[in-house]
Amino acid sequence: MSENLSSILDANSKYAESFGEKADLAMPPARKFAILTCMDARLDPAKFAGLSEGDAHVVRNAGGRASDDAIRSLVISSEVLGTKEWFVIHHSNCGMETFTNEKISGDLKSTFDTKEGYFINWLTIPDREESVREDVNRLRNHPLVSRDIRISGYIFDVKTGKLIEVVKG
């Protein structure tokens, strides 16, 4: 067993001991909102948004981008589970700002001897604020997103912990 797996299982055992009333949480998020944000380990949406278990849906991917899969999750969040507001939150110093689609596709071709990487839009971020605007606009204009969903866009500053508004909801 790896050291990581061992520590995860130990932590889970302790967590399960005090799980208690969390077993009775409803499936729909209590605060009726969802956050789309980056998978970066420095971001803790529960802490920066003041969340407890059961409060909100959190969808994470590289860059916090409004990819097809993120949209799938957000549409389920609203249409099946009743969220009424979404927050797109990118962040400063994001790894997705450090390369281009062409760069990663070329690197993967060299590593794996395949051109498959060229068929993927990696949704890199050449301009942080513009990427937030693009994602909010993509969500607002998507045919499967209700016009009643309030959608805002922010940048999380990894140096200060503050959310900076880019697009009003």
Foldseek 3Di string as FASTA:
>chain_A
DDPVVVVVVVVVVVCVVPCPPVVVQDPAAPQQEEEQEEPPPLDDCCVLVVHDPRHYHYHYYQQSALDPVVLVVVLCNPVVRNRQEYEREGEPPGPLCVDALVVVQVVVCVVPVDNVSNVDHPLRPVDSLVRQVVRQVCQCPPPSHDVRRHYWYWYQYSVPRDTHGRGGD
